[in-house]
């Protein structure tokens, strides 16, 4: 339907958030909100689509192994953070992803995709008040669910300078530095 309306649908995942987005002509902004709301709150997770998407993620993981910048980024996160989960790759680990089931994904979605963790952002040539009213109306019956956050261990203070050398066969040189804030 998005393509029929002249739009584009995609998603992205980082260490700290997942973003689903639709780009459509402004006169279809309401359609975009309705579709995203439905996708977010009523996912079907058809088995065949789930399995094919899992394969896409596994292929992306394999591609990351060839990326000097991705490897450097993951290495520096592991050096900067010793216990915080942000040190782990956002895409996950191959051996874990291979075992994820549709049921596991549905359970995770139910527990973590809740109104207290969700933001709708609408930009463009639209009426902000009418978009806000639409989002409020659409999400009014969304049950709050459990808002307990997972326990994240405190990162111990670093009392010394850390140095690390990471080698990757590539014609370009890359240098990176990081610090906890």
C-alpha atoms as a PDB file:
ATOM      1  CA  UNK A   1       0.000   0.000   0.000  1.00  0.00           C
ATOM      2  CA  UNK A   2       2.876   2.375   0.770  1.00  0.00           C
ATOM      3  CA  UNK A   3       4.276   1.926  -2.750  1.00  0.00           C
ATOM      4  CA  UNK A   4       0.799   2.391  -4.251  1.00  0.00           C
ATOM      5  CA  UNK A   5       0.580   5.747  -2.474  1.00  0.00           C
ATOM      6  CA  UNK A   6       3.968   6.797  -3.886  1.00  0.00           C
ATOM      7  CA  UNK A   7       5.942   6.164  -0.743  1.00  0.00           C
ATOM      8  CA  UNK A   8       8.783   4.282   0.841  1.00  0.00           C
ATOM      9  CA  UNK A   9       8.817   2.043   3.940  1.00  0.00           C
ATOM     10  CA  UNK A  10      11.904   0.956   5.840  1.00  0.00           C
ATOM     11  CA  UNK A  11      13.325   0.309   9.296  1.00  0.00           C
ATOM     12  CA  UNK A  12      16.628   0.650  11.102  1.00  0.00           C
ATOM     13  CA  UNK A  13      18.016  -0.720  14.339  1.00  0.00           C
ATOM     14  CA  UNK A  14      20.732   0.754  16.508  1.00  0.00           C
ATOM     15  CA  UNK A  15      22.084  -0.132  19.939  1.00  0.00           C
ATOM     16  CA  UNK A  16      19.456   2.077  21.547  1.00  0.00           C
ATOM     17  CA  UNK A  17      16.369   2.130  19.354  1.00  0.00           C
ATOM     18  CA  UNK A  18      14.443   0.657  16.464  1.00  0.00           C
ATOM     19  CA  UNK A  19      12.905   3.025  13.951  1.00  0.00           C
ATOM     20  CA  UNK A  20      10.160   2.202  11.462  1.00  0.00           C
ATOM     21  CA  UNK A  21       9.451   4.933   8.965  1.00  0.00           C
ATOM     22  CA  UNK A  22       7.265   5.703   6.009  1.00  0.00           C
ATOM     23  CA  UNK A  23       7.893   8.545   3.585  1.00  0.00           C
ATOM     24  CA  UNK A  24       4.775   9.563   1.654  1.00  0.00           C
ATOM     25  CA  UNK A  25       3.391  12.655  -0.023  1.00  0.00           C
ATOM     26  CA  UNK A  26       2.032  14.948   2.717  1.00  0.00           C
ATOM     27  CA  UNK A  27      -1.600  14.363   1.737  1.00  0.00           C
ATOM     28  CA  UNK A  28      -1.126  10.709   2.822  1.00  0.00           C
ATOM     29  CA  UNK A  29       0.404  11.472   6.240  1.00  0.00           C
ATOM     30  CA  UNK A  30      -2.701  10.091   7.965  1.00  0.00           C
ATOM     31  CA  UNK A  31      -2.292   6.822   6.047  1.00  0.00           C
ATOM     32  CA  UNK A  32       1.330   6.605   7.182  1.00  0.00           C
ATOM     33  CA  UNK A  33       0.372   7.048  10.849  1.00  0.00           C
ATOM     34  CA  UNK A  34      -2.391   4.441  10.572  1.00  0.00           C
ATOM     35  CA  UNK A  35      -0.128   1.910   8.861  1.00  0.00           C
ATOM     36  CA  UNK A  36       2.746   2.388  11.310  1.00  0.00           C
ATOM     37  CA  UNK A  37       0.383   2.142  14.261  1.00  0.00           C
ATOM     38  CA  UNK A  38      -1.059  -1.097  12.921  1.00  0.00           C
ATOM     39  CA  UNK A  39       2.373  -2.562  12.142  1.00  0.00           C
ATOM     40  CA  UNK A  40       3.695  -1.651  15.560  1.00  0.00           C
ATOM     41  CA  UNK A  41       0.767  -2.791  17.673  1.00  0.00           C
ATOM     42  CA  UNK A  42      -0.580  -5.710  15.628  1.00  0.00           C
ATOM     43  CA  UNK A  43       2.377  -7.443  14.005  1.00  0.00           C
ATOM     44  CA  UNK A  44       1.543 -10.713  12.302  1.00  0.00           C
ATOM     45  CA  UNK A  45       5.068 -12.162  12.175  1.00  0.00           C
ATOM     46  CA  UNK A  46       4.166 -14.670   9.427  1.00  0.00           C
ATOM     47  CA  UNK A  47       6.583 -17.594   9.716  1.00  0.00           C
ATOM     48  CA  UNK A  48       7.856 -17.337   6.128  1.00  0.00           C
ATOM     49  CA  UNK A  49       8.484 -13.579   6.402  1.00  0.00           C
ATOM     50  CA  UNK A  50      10.108 -14.015   9.802  1.00  0.00           C
ATOM     51  CA  UNK A  51      12.500 -16.637   8.427  1.00  0.00           C
ATOM     52  CA  UNK A  52      13.376 -14.603   5.328  1.00  0.00           C
ATOM     53  CA  UNK A  53      14.010 -11.471   7.417  1.00  0.00           C
ATOM     54  CA  UNK A  54      16.214 -13.468   9.768  1.00  0.00           C
ATOM     55  CA  UNK A  55      18.241 -14.542   6.718  1.00  0.00           C
ATOM     56  CA  UNK A  56      18.584 -10.885   5.665  1.00  0.00           C
ATOM     57  CA  UNK A  57      19.979 -10.032   9.100  1.00  0.00           C
ATOM     58  CA  UNK A  58      22.393 -12.971   8.964  1.00  0.00           C
ATOM     59  CA  UNK A  59      23.640 -11.791   5.538  1.00  0.00           C
ATOM     60  CA  UNK A  60      24.093  -8.276   6.932  1.00  0.00           C
ATOM     61  CA  UNK A  61      26.153  -9.693   9.791  1.00  0.00           C
ATOM     62  CA  UNK A  62      28.383 -11.451   7.260  1.00  0.00           C
ATOM     63  CA  UNK A  63      28.789  -8.172   5.310  1.00  0.00           C
ATOM     64  CA  UNK A  64      29.818  -6.339   8.494  1.00  0.00           C
ATOM     65  CA  UNK A  65      32.812  -8.655   8.795  1.00  0.00           C
ATOM     66  CA  UNK A  66      34.164  -7.051   5.586  1.00  0.00           C
ATOM     67  CA  UNK A  67      33.627  -3.473   6.769  1.00  0.00           C
ATOM     68  CA  UNK A  68      36.646  -1.808   8.394  1.00  0.00           C
ATOM     69  CA  UNK A  69      34.526   0.951   9.929  1.00  0.00           C
ATOM     70  CA  UNK A  70      31.962  -1.488  11.358  1.00  0.00           C
ATOM     71  CA  UNK A  71      34.739  -3.622  12.831  1.00  0.00           C
ATOM     72  CA  UNK A  72      36.458  -0.557  14.283  1.00  0.00           C
ATOM     73  CA  UNK A  73      33.179   0.697  15.766  1.00  0.00           C
ATOM     74  CA  UNK A  74      32.436  -2.646  17.441  1.00  0.00           C
ATOM     75  CA  UNK A  75      36.007  -2.905  18.716  1.00  0.00           C
ATOM     76  CA  UNK A  76      35.987   0.565  20.250  1.00  0.00           C
ATOM     77  CA  UNK A  77      32.640  -0.056  21.971  1.00  0.00           C
ATOM     78  CA  UNK A  78      34.061  -3.205  23.544  1.00  0.00           C
ATOM     79  CA  UNK A  79      37.135  -1.299  24.698  1.00  0.00           C
ATOM     80  CA  UNK A  80      35.177   1.663  26.055  1.00  0.00           C
ATOM     81  CA  UNK A  81      32.486  -0.307  27.853  1.00  0.00           C
ATOM     82  CA  UNK A  82      33.356  -3.392  29.855  1.00  0.00           C
ATOM     83  CA  UNK A  83      29.931  -4.395  31.280  1.00  0.00           C
ATOM     84  CA  UNK A  84      27.261  -2.138  29.734  1.00  0.00           C
ATOM     85  CA  UNK A  85      25.186  -3.882  27.013  1.00  0.00           C
ATOM     86  CA  UNK A  86      25.921  -1.081  24.539  1.00  0.00           C
ATOM     87  CA  UNK A  87      29.248  -2.837  24.047  1.00  0.00           C
ATOM     88  CA  UNK A  88      27.425  -5.631  22.184  1.00  0.00           C
ATOM     89  CA  UNK A  89      26.685  -5.434  18.441  1.00  0.00           C
ATOM     90  CA  UNK A  90      23.206  -4.028  17.736  1.00  0.00           C
ATOM     91  CA  UNK A  91      22.598  -6.677  15.075  1.00  0.00           C
ATOM     92  CA  UNK A  92      23.379  -9.463  17.517  1.00  0.00           C
ATOM     93  CA  UNK A  93      25.431 -12.613  17.173  1.00  0.00           C
ATOM     94  CA  UNK A  94      25.148 -15.175  14.384  1.00  0.00           C
ATOM     95  CA  UNK A  95      24.815 -18.203  16.675  1.00  0.00           C
ATOM     96  CA  UNK A  96      22.039 -16.529  18.682  1.00  0.00           C
ATOM     97  CA  UNK A  97      20.145 -15.226  15.640  1.00  0.00           C
ATOM     98  CA  UNK A  98      20.146 -18.654  14.051  1.00  0.00           C
ATOM     99  CA  UNK A  99      18.171 -20.004  17.013  1.00  0.00           C
ATOM    100  CA  UNK A 100      15.603 -17.187  17.353  1.00  0.00           C
ATOM    101  CA  UNK A 101      12.069 -18.401  16.682  1.00  0.00           C
ATOM    102  CA  UNK A 102       8.956 -16.547  15.637  1.00  0.00           C
ATOM    103  CA  UNK A 103       7.509 -17.211  19.110  1.00  0.00           C
ATOM    104  CA  UNK A 104      10.585 -15.745  20.802  1.00  0.00           C
ATOM    105  CA  UNK A 105      10.284 -12.613  18.640  1.00  0.00           C
ATOM    106  CA  UNK A 106       6.561 -12.240  19.343  1.00  0.00           C
ATOM    107  CA  UNK A 107       7.188 -12.561  23.087  1.00  0.00           C
ATOM    108  CA  UNK A 108       9.953  -9.943  22.971  1.00  0.00           C
ATOM    109  CA  UNK A 109       7.718  -7.602  20.974  1.00  0.00           C
ATOM    110  CA  UNK A 110       4.886  -7.968  23.473  1.00  0.00           C
ATOM    111  CA  UNK A 111       7.160  -7.173  26.417  1.00  0.00           C
ATOM    112  CA  UNK A 112       9.238  -4.351  24.944  1.00  0.00           C
ATOM    113  CA  UNK A 113       7.143  -2.558  22.294  1.00  0.00           C
ATOM    114  CA  UNK A 114       4.914  -0.609  24.634  1.00  0.00           C
ATOM    115  CA  UNK A 115       3.531   2.951  24.676  1.00  0.00           C
ATOM    116  CA  UNK A 116       6.001   4.136  27.304  1.00  0.00           C
ATOM    117  CA  UNK A 117       8.851   3.233  24.972  1.00  0.00           C
ATOM    118  CA  UNK A 118       7.327   4.491  21.722  1.00  0.00           C
ATOM    119  CA  UNK A 119       7.427   7.838  19.954  1.00  0.00           C
ATOM    120  CA  UNK A 120       5.587   8.913  16.835  1.00  0.00           C
ATOM    121  CA  UNK A 121       7.315  11.636  14.846  1.00  0.00           C
ATOM    122  CA  UNK A 122       5.543  13.334  11.959  1.00  0.00           C
ATOM    123  CA  UNK A 123       7.303  15.947   9.845  1.00  0.00           C
ATOM    124  CA  UNK A 124       6.414  17.712   6.644  1.00  0.00           C
ATOM    125  CA  UNK A 125       3.645  19.842   5.231  1.00  0.00           C
ATOM    126  CA  UNK A 126       1.005  18.641   7.718  1.00  0.00           C
ATOM    127  CA  UNK A 127      -1.140  20.188  10.414  1.00  0.00           C
ATOM    128  CA  UNK A 128       0.636  19.353  13.709  1.00  0.00           C
ATOM    129  CA  UNK A 129      -2.553  19.571  15.795  1.00  0.00           C
ATOM    130  CA  UNK A 130      -4.481  17.174  13.571  1.00  0.00           C
ATOM    131  CA  UNK A 131      -1.542  14.718  13.481  1.00  0.00           C
ATOM    132  CA  UNK A 132      -1.254  14.813  17.271  1.00  0.00           C
ATOM    133  CA  UNK A 133      -4.994  14.224  17.608  1.00  0.00           C
ATOM    134  CA  UNK A 134      -4.802  11.295  15.186  1.00  0.00           C
ATOM    135  CA  UNK A 135      -1.936   9.651  17.091  1.00  0.00           C
ATOM    136  CA  UNK A 136      -3.729  10.168  20.420  1.00  0.00           C
ATOM    137  CA  UNK A 137      -6.951   8.699  19.043  1.00  0.00           C
ATOM    138  CA  UNK A 138      -5.203   5.731  17.439  1.00  0.00           C
ATOM    139  CA  UNK A 139      -3.189   4.830  20.523  1.00  0.00           C
ATOM    140  CA  UNK A 140      -5.810   5.578  23.200  1.00  0.00           C
ATOM    141  CA  UNK A 141      -6.625   1.891  23.740  1.00  0.00           C
ATOM    142  CA  UNK A 142      -2.984   0.743  23.753  1.00  0.00           C
ATOM    143  CA  UNK A 143      -2.434  -1.023  27.057  1.00  0.00           C
ATOM    144  CA  UNK A 144       0.586   0.301  28.899  1.00  0.00           C
ATOM    145  CA  UNK A 145       2.072  -3.114  29.583  1.00  0.00           C
ATOM    146  CA  UNK A 146       5.043  -3.689  31.832  1.00  0.00           C
ATOM    147  CA  UNK A 147       7.330  -0.693  32.076  1.00  0.00           C
ATOM    148  CA  UNK A 148       9.994  -2.447  34.122  1.00  0.00           C
ATOM    149  CA  UNK A 149      13.294  -1.824  32.445  1.00  0.00           C
ATOM    150  CA  UNK A 150      15.927  -4.531  32.396  1.00  0.00           C
ATOM    151  CA  UNK A 151      18.626  -4.102  35.014  1.00  0.00           C
ATOM    152  CA  UNK A 152      21.684  -2.643  33.346  1.00  0.00           C
ATOM    153  CA  UNK A 153      24.854  -2.930  35.380  1.00  0.00           C
ATOM    154  CA  UNK A 154      26.698   0.274  36.148  1.00  0.00           C
ATOM    155  CA  UNK A 155      29.835   0.725  34.115  1.00  0.00           C
ATOM    156  CA  UNK A 156      32.824   0.850  36.463  1.00  0.00           C
ATOM    157  CA  UNK A 157      34.826   4.051  36.346  1.00  0.00           C
ATOM    158  CA  UNK A 158      37.922   3.823  34.221  1.00  0.00           C
ATOM    159  CA  UNK A 159      40.844   4.933  36.348  1.00  0.00           C
ATOM    160  CA  UNK A 160      43.521   4.440  33.707  1.00  0.00           C
ATOM    161  CA  UNK A 161      44.130   5.082  30.042  1.00  0.00           C
ATOM    162  CA  UNK A 162      43.243   2.173  27.794  1.00  0.00           C
ATOM    163  CA  UNK A 163      45.061   1.619  24.543  1.00  0.00           C
ATOM    164  CA  UNK A 164      44.184  -0.953  21.977  1.00  0.00           C
ATOM    165  CA  UNK A 165      45.477  -1.979  18.599  1.00  0.00           C
ATOM    166  CA  UNK A 166      43.102  -3.478  16.086  1.00  0.00           C
ATOM    167  CA  UNK A 167      44.284  -4.574  12.644  1.00  0.00           C
ATOM    168  CA  UNK A 168      42.123  -5.019   9.588  1.00  0.00           C
ATOM    169  CA  UNK A 169      43.444  -5.556   6.050  1.00  0.00           C
ATOM    170  CA  UNK A 170      42.386  -2.387   4.230  1.00  0.00           C
ATOM    171  CA  UNK A 171      44.190   0.294   2.200  1.00  0.00           C
ATOM    172  CA  UNK A 172      42.845   3.155   4.337  1.00  0.00           C
ATOM    173  CA  UNK A 173      44.044   4.008   7.818  1.00  0.00           C
ATOM    174  CA  UNK A 174      41.435   4.673  10.497  1.00  0.00           C
ATOM    175  CA  UNK A 175      41.965   6.047  13.950  1.00  0.00           C
ATOM    176  CA  UNK A 176      39.339   6.337  16.643  1.00  0.00           C
ATOM    177  CA  UNK A 177      39.090   7.553  20.199  1.00  0.00           C
ATOM    178  CA  UNK A 178      36.243   7.309  22.682  1.00  0.00           C
ATOM    179  CA  UNK A 179      35.266   8.165  26.213  1.00  0.00           C
ATOM    180  CA  UNK A 180      32.362   7.492  28.492  1.00  0.00           C
ATOM    181  CA  UNK A 181      29.990  10.374  29.078  1.00  0.00           C
END
